[in-house]
Each structure stands twice: as C-alpha cells, then as structure tokens.
Amino acid sequence: MHRQTRRNLLNLATGVAVAAAAVVVFLPAAQAAPGTATSNVNVRSGPGTGYAVVDTLRRGEQVDVQRCQSSWCYVVKPGPDGWVSASYLSAGGRPVNPSNPGISFGFTIGGPDGPQISIGVGNGNNPQPRPPRPPVVQPVYDEVCFFDRTRFRGDSFCLEEGESIRDLRGWTDRISSFDNPAGLNVQVCSQENFRSCRTYTTGASSLGDYDDYIASVRVR
C-alpha cells in the first residue's frame, strides 16, 4: 500500500475512534439519574448559596439529576430547573455523600479545572459501585421555611441564614407560618424593603395580625 494512502487511512481510523469515544462519553449526559428531595430545599441558578433562588423542591419530590459539581447537583423537574445541595437529596432510597454526590448518582466528577463527565446513568441495570458503608447525612437545620398556611402546611419556600427578599412579589400577603428549627433571627415585614417589621428567634405556627400581611422577609 502506498505510504500516503496508508497515512490517510490511519488518520481516518483515528478520527472515527475519537468520534466514537465522544459519543460514549458525552451521550449519557443527556440522560439522568433519579433522585428524591429529603426536605424542602431551594433550587438555585448556580452551584452555591451565592446564586439566586429560582424555585423550591418539596420533601419527597422526584427529580432527574443531570450532573454534580462539588457538593451540588443540577436537577431537572417540573418547573424551573437548577442546582440543589446534595445534602438534601437521596439516591435509590439511600443518603447521598454530600462531599462526593457523583458516586451515588453514577457520575465521575473532574477536578476544579478539569472536565465534568457523566457516566453510568440511565436504566440502572448496571449500577455504579457504591462506597462501603456510606456516611449518614445529617439533616441541615440552618434555614427557615415559610408556608402559605398555618401550622407549617401548604406551599412553601426556604431561606438560609444571611438571605433576604426585599419584595416577595407573588408571595406578598401569603405567608401564614414559618419553621425555624435553628433559632435564627427572622424578620417578617408588612411592607417592602424591610419596613414595619416583627422579629422572631423561633418558628411561628401562626402569625396573628401579621398572617397574610407580609411583603418582605430577612433571615440573620
């Protein structure tokens, strides 16, 4: 075979192999691994508490986990998709290791400057190996959840310590109770921009004259 022809065939074979490898590695990223919310938790626009809240998961809600980064996972669900702390997710009924959630969901996580590639997700017929005796994830209590009915019932959203909402918009005059297990400093205000406020250091199953009369909230 002519040397140039052999070289062209070799280059063609290499290109096909690279393309096939790309399909094998990146195709599963379009799939998802099932997960369940273990508590009410904020869904954020990015992997960290510094990103905006775009939605709230309810306890027991099913999601599709697309990928994980550090201790955060990107979930797809009815309504806005986004990032959720792995501490609030379970995989196959088991707690997720928040320091390496990809193990539970079948993802390989690259370093901080490397690629993040998903593997082994899909139908579950070939489950990924799990670490022996995974650690039990302790509940996280450093947040306050607000409900539109008394006694912590109905629709809800949650804020972590240091977060606030100057204008509740669609939630204005809807809050009737809030759960505050960590005893954080909570301000509920009848006007926007934290005016005409009342401060709590406990939860409130009913807000009395502030029931359905709140326009801004702050957690400290």
C-alpha atoms as a PDB file:
ATOM      1  CA  MET A   1       0.000   0.000   0.000  1.00  0.00           C
ATOM      2  CA  HIS A   2       1.254   3.454  -0.874  1.00  0.00           C
ATOM      3  CA  ARG A   3       2.713   5.267   2.169  1.00  0.00           C
ATOM      4  CA  GLN A   4       0.461   8.330   1.714  1.00  0.00           C
ATOM      5  CA  THR A   5      -2.627   6.136   1.320  1.00  0.00           C
ATOM      6  CA  ARG A   6      -1.739   4.216   4.489  1.00  0.00           C
ATOM      7  CA  ARG A   7      -1.301   7.517   6.365  1.00  0.00           C
ATOM      8  CA  ASN A   8      -4.701   8.782   5.174  1.00  0.00           C
ATOM      9  CA  LEU A   9      -6.399   5.558   6.274  1.00  0.00           C
ATOM     10  CA  LEU A  10      -4.708   5.769   9.662  1.00  0.00           C
ATOM     11  CA  ASN A  11      -5.888   9.356  10.128  1.00  0.00           C
ATOM     12  CA  LEU A  12      -9.428   8.344   9.131  1.00  0.00           C
ATOM     13  CA  ALA A  13      -9.443   5.443  11.593  1.00  0.00           C
ATOM     14  CA  THR A  14      -8.181   7.735  14.366  1.00  0.00           C
ATOM     15  CA  GLY A  15     -10.901  10.269  13.627  1.00  0.00           C
ATOM     16  CA  VAL A  16     -13.592   7.593  13.756  1.00  0.00           C
ATOM     17  CA  ALA A  17     -12.230   6.284  17.075  1.00  0.00           C
ATOM     18  CA  VAL A  18     -12.231   9.782  18.589  1.00  0.00           C
ATOM     19  CA  ALA A  19     -15.783  10.417  17.404  1.00  0.00           C
ATOM     20  CA  ALA A  20     -16.937   7.081  18.832  1.00  0.00           C
ATOM     21  CA  ALA A  21     -15.264   7.858  22.141  1.00  0.00           C
ATOM     22  CA  ALA A  22     -17.002  11.228  22.217  1.00  0.00           C
ATOM     23  CA  VAL A  23     -20.353   9.507  21.735  1.00  0.00           C
ATOM     24  CA  VAL A  24     -19.626   7.034  24.527  1.00  0.00           C
ATOM     25  CA  VAL A  25     -18.511   9.720  26.972  1.00  0.00           C
ATOM     26  CA  PHE A  26     -20.913  12.551  26.310  1.00  0.00           C
ATOM     27  CA  LEU A  27     -24.128  10.842  25.198  1.00  0.00           C
ATOM     28  CA  PRO A  28     -25.091   9.794  28.742  1.00  0.00           C
ATOM     29  CA  ALA A  29     -25.029  13.463  29.805  1.00  0.00           C
ATOM     30  CA  ALA A  30     -28.409  13.755  28.086  1.00  0.00           C
ATOM     31  CA  GLN A  31     -29.747  11.067  30.400  1.00  0.00           C
ATOM     32  CA  ALA A  32     -30.379  11.453  34.108  1.00  0.00           C
ATOM     33  CA  ALA A  33     -30.178   9.619  37.416  1.00  0.00           C
ATOM     34  CA  PRO A  34     -33.242   9.570  39.703  1.00  0.00           C
ATOM     35  CA  GLY A  35     -33.119  11.438  42.991  1.00  0.00           C
ATOM     36  CA  THR A  36     -35.520  12.407  45.779  1.00  0.00           C
ATOM     37  CA  ALA A  37     -35.648  15.572  47.898  1.00  0.00           C
ATOM     38  CA  THR A  38     -35.294  14.684  51.589  1.00  0.00           C
ATOM     39  CA  SER A  39     -36.510  18.117  52.766  1.00  0.00           C
ATOM     40  CA  ASN A  40     -37.812  21.393  51.423  1.00  0.00           C
ATOM     41  CA  VAL A  41     -34.819  22.972  49.718  1.00  0.00           C
ATOM     42  CA  ASN A  42     -34.048  25.930  47.448  1.00  0.00           C
ATOM     43  CA  VAL A  43     -33.273  25.391  43.773  1.00  0.00           C
ATOM     44  CA  ARG A  44     -30.607  27.866  42.648  1.00  0.00           C
ATOM     45  CA  SER A  45     -29.306  29.222  39.358  1.00  0.00           C
ATOM     46  CA  GLY A  46     -25.770  28.001  40.140  1.00  0.00           C
ATOM     47  CA  PRO A  47     -23.852  25.560  42.391  1.00  0.00           C
ATOM     48  CA  GLY A  48     -23.684  27.610  45.611  1.00  0.00           C
ATOM     49  CA  THR A  49     -25.670  29.705  48.074  1.00  0.00           C
ATOM     50  CA  GLY A  50     -24.452  32.872  46.366  1.00  0.00           C
ATOM     51  CA  TYR A  51     -26.667  32.166  43.355  1.00  0.00           C
ATOM     52  CA  ALA A  52     -30.276  33.297  43.059  1.00  0.00           C
ATOM     53  CA  VAL A  53     -33.166  31.088  44.209  1.00  0.00           C
ATOM     54  CA  VAL A  54     -35.241  30.038  41.166  1.00  0.00           C
ATOM     55  CA  ASP A  55     -37.616  27.536  42.782  1.00  0.00           C
ATOM     56  CA  THR A  56     -38.158  25.270  45.807  1.00  0.00           C
ATOM     57  CA  LEU A  57     -38.185  21.463  45.990  1.00  0.00           C
ATOM     58  CA  ARG A  58     -40.644  19.880  48.391  1.00  0.00           C
ATOM     59  CA  ARG A  59     -39.814  16.938  50.633  1.00  0.00           C
ATOM     60  CA  GLY A  60     -40.359  13.703  48.698  1.00  0.00           C
ATOM     61  CA  GLU A  61     -40.371  15.351  45.250  1.00  0.00           C
ATOM     62  CA  GLN A  62     -38.757  13.246  42.499  1.00  0.00           C
ATOM     63  CA  VAL A  63     -36.111  14.835  40.252  1.00  0.00           C
ATOM     64  CA  ASP A  64     -33.714  13.828  37.487  1.00  0.00           C
ATOM     65  CA  VAL A  65     -30.090  14.534  38.420  1.00  0.00           C
ATOM     66  CA  GLN A  66     -28.115  15.563  35.318  1.00  0.00           C
ATOM     67  CA  ARG A  67     -24.670  16.180  36.827  1.00  0.00           C
ATOM     68  CA  CYS A  68     -22.923  17.149  40.069  1.00  0.00           C
ATOM     69  CA  GLN A  69     -20.256  19.703  40.907  1.00  0.00           C
ATOM     70  CA  SER A  70     -18.579  19.617  44.321  1.00  0.00           C
ATOM     71  CA  SER A  71     -21.484  19.201  46.778  1.00  0.00           C
ATOM     72  CA  TRP A  72     -24.169  20.489  44.378  1.00  0.00           C
ATOM     73  CA  CYS A  73     -26.209  18.692  41.712  1.00  0.00           C
ATOM     74  CA  TYR A  74     -28.145  20.027  38.714  1.00  0.00           C
ATOM     75  CA  VAL A  75     -31.709  18.687  38.721  1.00  0.00           C
ATOM     76  CA  VAL A  76     -34.477  18.644  36.120  1.00  0.00           C
ATOM     77  CA  LYS A  77     -38.085  18.692  37.302  1.00  0.00           C
ATOM     78  CA  PRO A  78     -41.487  20.259  36.621  1.00  0.00           C
ATOM     79  CA  GLY A  79     -40.933  23.992  36.843  1.00  0.00           C
ATOM     80  CA  PRO A  80     -37.579  25.812  36.776  1.00  0.00           C
ATOM     81  CA  ASP A  81     -34.534  23.500  36.747  1.00  0.00           C
ATOM     82  CA  GLY A  82     -31.410  24.348  38.727  1.00  0.00           C
ATOM     83  CA  TRP A  83     -28.819  23.404  41.329  1.00  0.00           C
ATOM     84  CA  VAL A  84     -29.592  21.769  44.693  1.00  0.00           C
ATOM     85  CA  SER A  85     -27.311  20.987  47.608  1.00  0.00           C
ATOM     86  CA  ALA A  86     -26.619  17.234  47.634  1.00  0.00           C
ATOM     87  CA  SER A  87     -27.261  17.235  51.395  1.00  0.00           C
ATOM     88  CA  TYR A  88     -30.990  17.393  50.566  1.00  0.00           C
ATOM     89  CA  LEU A  89     -31.046  14.557  48.025  1.00  0.00           C
ATOM     90  CA  SER A  90     -31.227  10.778  48.255  1.00  0.00           C
ATOM     91  CA  ALA A  91     -30.402   8.202  45.561  1.00  0.00           C
ATOM     92  CA  GLY A  92     -32.260   4.904  45.425  1.00  0.00           C
ATOM     93  CA  GLY A  93     -33.588   5.482  48.936  1.00  0.00           C
ATOM     94  CA  ARG A  94     -30.077   5.908  50.345  1.00  0.00           C
ATOM     95  CA  PRO A  95     -28.414   9.068  51.683  1.00  0.00           C
ATOM     96  CA  VAL A  96     -26.040  10.855  49.330  1.00  0.00           C
ATOM     97  CA  ASN A  97     -22.484  11.622  50.370  1.00  0.00           C
ATOM     98  CA  PRO A  98     -22.526  15.451  50.120  1.00  0.00           C
ATOM     99  CA  SER A  99     -18.739  15.620  49.654  1.00  0.00           C
ATOM    100  CA  ASN A 100     -18.911  13.358  46.580  1.00  0.00           C
ATOM    101  CA  PRO A 101     -22.532  13.032  45.410  1.00  0.00           C
ATOM    102  CA  GLY A 102     -21.497  11.753  41.989  1.00  0.00           C
ATOM    103  CA  ILE A 103     -20.767   8.312  43.461  1.00  0.00           C
ATOM    104  CA  SER A 104     -24.418   7.832  44.397  1.00  0.00           C
ATOM    105  CA  PHE A 105     -25.805   9.189  41.132  1.00  0.00           C
ATOM    106  CA  GLY A 106     -23.281   7.472  38.845  1.00  0.00           C
ATOM    107  CA  PHE A 107     -21.239  10.476  37.809  1.00  0.00           C
ATOM    108  CA  THR A 108     -17.484  10.950  37.567  1.00  0.00           C
ATOM    109  CA  ILE A 109     -16.552  14.433  38.712  1.00  0.00           C
ATOM    110  CA  GLY A 110     -13.454  16.138  37.353  1.00  0.00           C
ATOM    111  CA  GLY A 111     -11.180  18.481  39.263  1.00  0.00           C
ATOM    112  CA  PRO A 112     -11.926  22.181  39.668  1.00  0.00           C
ATOM    113  CA  ASP A 113     -10.214  22.986  36.352  1.00  0.00           C
ATOM    114  CA  GLY A 114     -10.965  19.733  34.542  1.00  0.00           C
ATOM    115  CA  PRO A 115     -13.960  18.451  32.584  1.00  0.00           C
ATOM    116  CA  GLN A 116     -17.023  17.048  34.287  1.00  0.00           C
ATOM    117  CA  ILE A 117     -18.135  13.863  32.531  1.00  0.00           C
ATOM    118  CA  SER A 118     -21.202  11.814  33.388  1.00  0.00           C
ATOM    119  CA  ILE A 119     -21.045   8.026  33.181  1.00  0.00           C
ATOM    120  CA  GLY A 120     -23.157   5.026  34.062  1.00  0.00           C
ATOM    121  CA  VAL A 121     -26.529   6.762  34.294  1.00  0.00           C
ATOM    122  CA  GLY A 122     -29.764   5.525  32.785  1.00  0.00           C
ATOM    123  CA  ASN A 123     -31.822   2.424  33.391  1.00  0.00           C
ATOM    124  CA  GLY A 124     -29.993   1.196  36.495  1.00  0.00           C
ATOM    125  CA  ASN A 125     -29.329  -2.293  35.104  1.00  0.00           C
ATOM    126  CA  ASN A 126     -25.624  -1.762  35.686  1.00  0.00           C
ATOM    127  CA  PRO A 127     -25.459   0.160  38.957  1.00  0.00           C
ATOM    128  CA  GLN A 128     -22.276   2.025  39.753  1.00  0.00           C
ATOM    129  CA  PRO A 129     -20.195   0.719  42.674  1.00  0.00           C
ATOM    130  CA  ARG A 130     -21.023   2.425  45.928  1.00  0.00           C
ATOM    131  CA  PRO A 131     -18.507   3.234  48.647  1.00  0.00           C
ATOM    132  CA  PRO A 132     -18.664   0.775  51.541  1.00  0.00           C
ATOM    133  CA  ARG A 133     -20.804   1.911  54.469  1.00  0.00           C
ATOM    134  CA  PRO A 134     -21.696   5.372  53.125  1.00  0.00           C
ATOM    135  CA  PRO A 135     -21.875   8.037  55.831  1.00  0.00           C
ATOM    136  CA  VAL A 136     -25.282   9.031  57.130  1.00  0.00           C
ATOM    137  CA  VAL A 137     -26.201  12.545  56.012  1.00  0.00           C
ATOM    138  CA  GLN A 138     -27.308  14.582  58.979  1.00  0.00           C
ATOM    139  CA  PRO A 139     -30.274  16.945  58.474  1.00  0.00           C
ATOM    140  CA  VAL A 140     -29.358  20.552  57.843  1.00  0.00           C
ATOM    141  CA  TYR A 141     -31.242  22.994  60.059  1.00  0.00           C
ATOM    142  CA  ASP A 142     -29.690  26.352  59.110  1.00  0.00           C
ATOM    143  CA  GLU A 143     -32.675  27.570  57.093  1.00  0.00           C
ATOM    144  CA  VAL A 144     -36.149  28.975  57.626  1.00  0.00           C
ATOM    145  CA  CYS A 145     -39.107  27.710  55.586  1.00  0.00           C
ATOM    146  CA  PHE A 146     -42.182  29.909  55.040  1.00  0.00           C
ATOM    147  CA  PHE A 147     -45.646  28.423  54.407  1.00  0.00           C
ATOM    148  CA  ASP A 148     -48.853  29.854  52.981  1.00  0.00           C
ATOM    149  CA  ARG A 149     -50.996  28.102  55.614  1.00  0.00           C
ATOM    150  CA  THR A 150     -50.831  27.942  59.408  1.00  0.00           C
ATOM    151  CA  ARG A 151     -49.100  25.043  61.211  1.00  0.00           C
ATOM    152  CA  PHE A 152     -46.393  24.728  58.503  1.00  0.00           C
ATOM    153  CA  ARG A 153     -48.734  23.493  55.781  1.00  0.00           C
ATOM    154  CA  GLY A 154     -49.306  24.332  52.144  1.00  0.00           C
ATOM    155  CA  ASP A 155     -46.895  25.753  49.586  1.00  0.00           C
ATOM    156  CA  SER A 156     -43.518  26.867  50.917  1.00  0.00           C
ATOM    157  CA  PHE A 157     -40.129  28.372  50.150  1.00  0.00           C
ATOM    158  CA  CYS A 158     -36.950  28.443  52.257  1.00  0.00           C
ATOM    159  CA  LEU A 159     -34.183  30.942  53.022  1.00  0.00           C
ATOM    160  CA  GLU A 160     -30.804  30.230  54.562  1.00  0.00           C
ATOM    161  CA  GLU A 161     -29.011  32.353  57.143  1.00  0.00           C
ATOM    162  CA  GLY A 162     -27.989  35.699  55.617  1.00  0.00           C
ATOM    163  CA  GLU A 163     -30.599  35.620  52.842  1.00  0.00           C
ATOM    164  CA  SER A 164     -33.435  38.077  52.404  1.00  0.00           C
ATOM    165  CA  ILE A 165     -36.184  39.104  49.969  1.00  0.00           C
ATOM    166  CA  ARG A 166     -36.988  42.820  49.739  1.00  0.00           C
ATOM    167  CA  ASP A 167     -40.131  42.254  47.693  1.00  0.00           C
ATOM    168  CA  LEU A 168     -41.998  38.953  47.952  1.00  0.00           C
ATOM    169  CA  ARG A 169     -43.983  39.695  44.771  1.00  0.00           C
ATOM    170  CA  GLY A 170     -46.095  36.584  44.187  1.00  0.00           C
ATOM    171  CA  TRP A 171     -45.750  35.677  47.876  1.00  0.00           C
ATOM    172  CA  THR A 172     -46.814  39.097  49.184  1.00  0.00           C
ATOM    173  CA  ASP A 173     -49.586  38.738  51.799  1.00  0.00           C
ATOM    174  CA  ARG A 174     -49.489  34.922  51.587  1.00  0.00           C
ATOM    175  CA  ILE A 175     -47.225  33.819  54.476  1.00  0.00           C
ATOM    176  CA  SER A 176     -49.139  32.360  57.442  1.00  0.00           C
ATOM    177  CA  SER A 177     -46.421  30.395  59.301  1.00  0.00           C
ATOM    178  CA  PHE A 178     -42.714  29.597  59.221  1.00  0.00           C
ATOM    179  CA  ASP A 179     -40.460  26.872  60.599  1.00  0.00           C
ATOM    180  CA  ASN A 180     -37.207  27.976  62.264  1.00  0.00           C
ATOM    181  CA  PRO A 181     -35.522  24.881  63.785  1.00  0.00           C
ATOM    182  CA  ALA A 182     -32.109  26.570  64.201  1.00  0.00           C
ATOM    183  CA  GLY A 183     -33.492  29.545  66.144  1.00  0.00           C
ATOM    184  CA  LEU A 184     -32.245  32.078  63.592  1.00  0.00           C
ATOM    185  CA  ASN A 185     -33.171  35.754  63.712  1.00  0.00           C
ATOM    186  CA  VAL A 186     -36.163  36.152  61.386  1.00  0.00           C
ATOM    187  CA  GLN A 187     -37.735  39.464  60.391  1.00  0.00           C
ATOM    188  CA  VAL A 188     -41.173  39.480  58.770  1.00  0.00           C
ATOM    189  CA  CYS A 189     -42.229  42.884  57.463  1.00  0.00           C
ATOM    190  CA  SER A 190     -45.624  44.172  56.365  1.00  0.00           C
ATOM    191  CA  GLN A 191     -44.015  46.488  53.798  1.00  0.00           C
ATOM    192  CA  GLU A 192     -41.376  46.105  51.121  1.00  0.00           C
ATOM    193  CA  ASN A 193     -37.683  46.866  51.831  1.00  0.00           C
ATOM    194  CA  PHE A 194     -37.929  45.590  55.443  1.00  0.00           C
ATOM    195  CA  ARG A 195     -40.248  48.248  56.844  1.00  0.00           C
ATOM    196  CA  SER A 196     -42.780  47.723  59.659  1.00  0.00           C
ATOM    197  CA  CYS A 197     -41.128  44.507  60.827  1.00  0.00           C
ATOM    198  CA  ARG A 198     -41.545  41.974  63.587  1.00  0.00           C
ATOM    199  CA  THR A 199     -38.569  39.844  64.731  1.00  0.00           C
ATOM    200  CA  TYR A 200     -38.659  36.175  65.783  1.00  0.00           C
ATOM    201  CA  THR A 201     -35.982  33.814  67.091  1.00  0.00           C
ATOM    202  CA  THR A 202     -38.317  30.796  66.982  1.00  0.00           C
ATOM    203  CA  GLY A 203     -40.751  29.444  64.438  1.00  0.00           C
ATOM    204  CA  ALA A 204     -44.360  30.553  64.305  1.00  0.00           C
ATOM    205  CA  SER A 205     -47.253  28.193  63.567  1.00  0.00           C
ATOM    206  CA  SER A 206     -49.470  31.267  63.228  1.00  0.00           C
ATOM    207  CA  LEU A 207     -48.545  34.922  62.700  1.00  0.00           C
ATOM    208  CA  GLY A 208     -51.558  36.554  64.333  1.00  0.00           C
ATOM    209  CA  ASP A 209     -52.184  40.025  62.923  1.00  0.00           C
ATOM    210  CA  TYR A 210     -49.264  39.516  60.511  1.00  0.00           C
ATOM    211  CA  ASP A 211     -50.983  36.472  58.975  1.00  0.00           C
ATOM    212  CA  ASP A 212     -51.209  37.033  55.191  1.00  0.00           C
ATOM    213  CA  TYR A 213     -49.811  40.512  55.712  1.00  0.00           C
ATOM    214  CA  ILE A 214     -46.083  40.177  54.881  1.00  0.00           C
ATOM    215  CA  ALA A 215     -44.292  41.844  51.951  1.00  0.00           C
ATOM    216  CA  SER A 216     -40.580  41.264  52.770  1.00  0.00           C
ATOM    217  CA  VAL A 217     -38.542  38.840  54.911  1.00  0.00           C
ATOM    218  CA  ARG A 218     -34.994  38.595  56.191  1.00  0.00           C
ATOM    219  CA  VAL A 219     -33.035  35.775  57.929  1.00  0.00           C
ATOM    220  CA  ARG A 220     -29.949  36.601  60.008  1.00  0.00           C
END
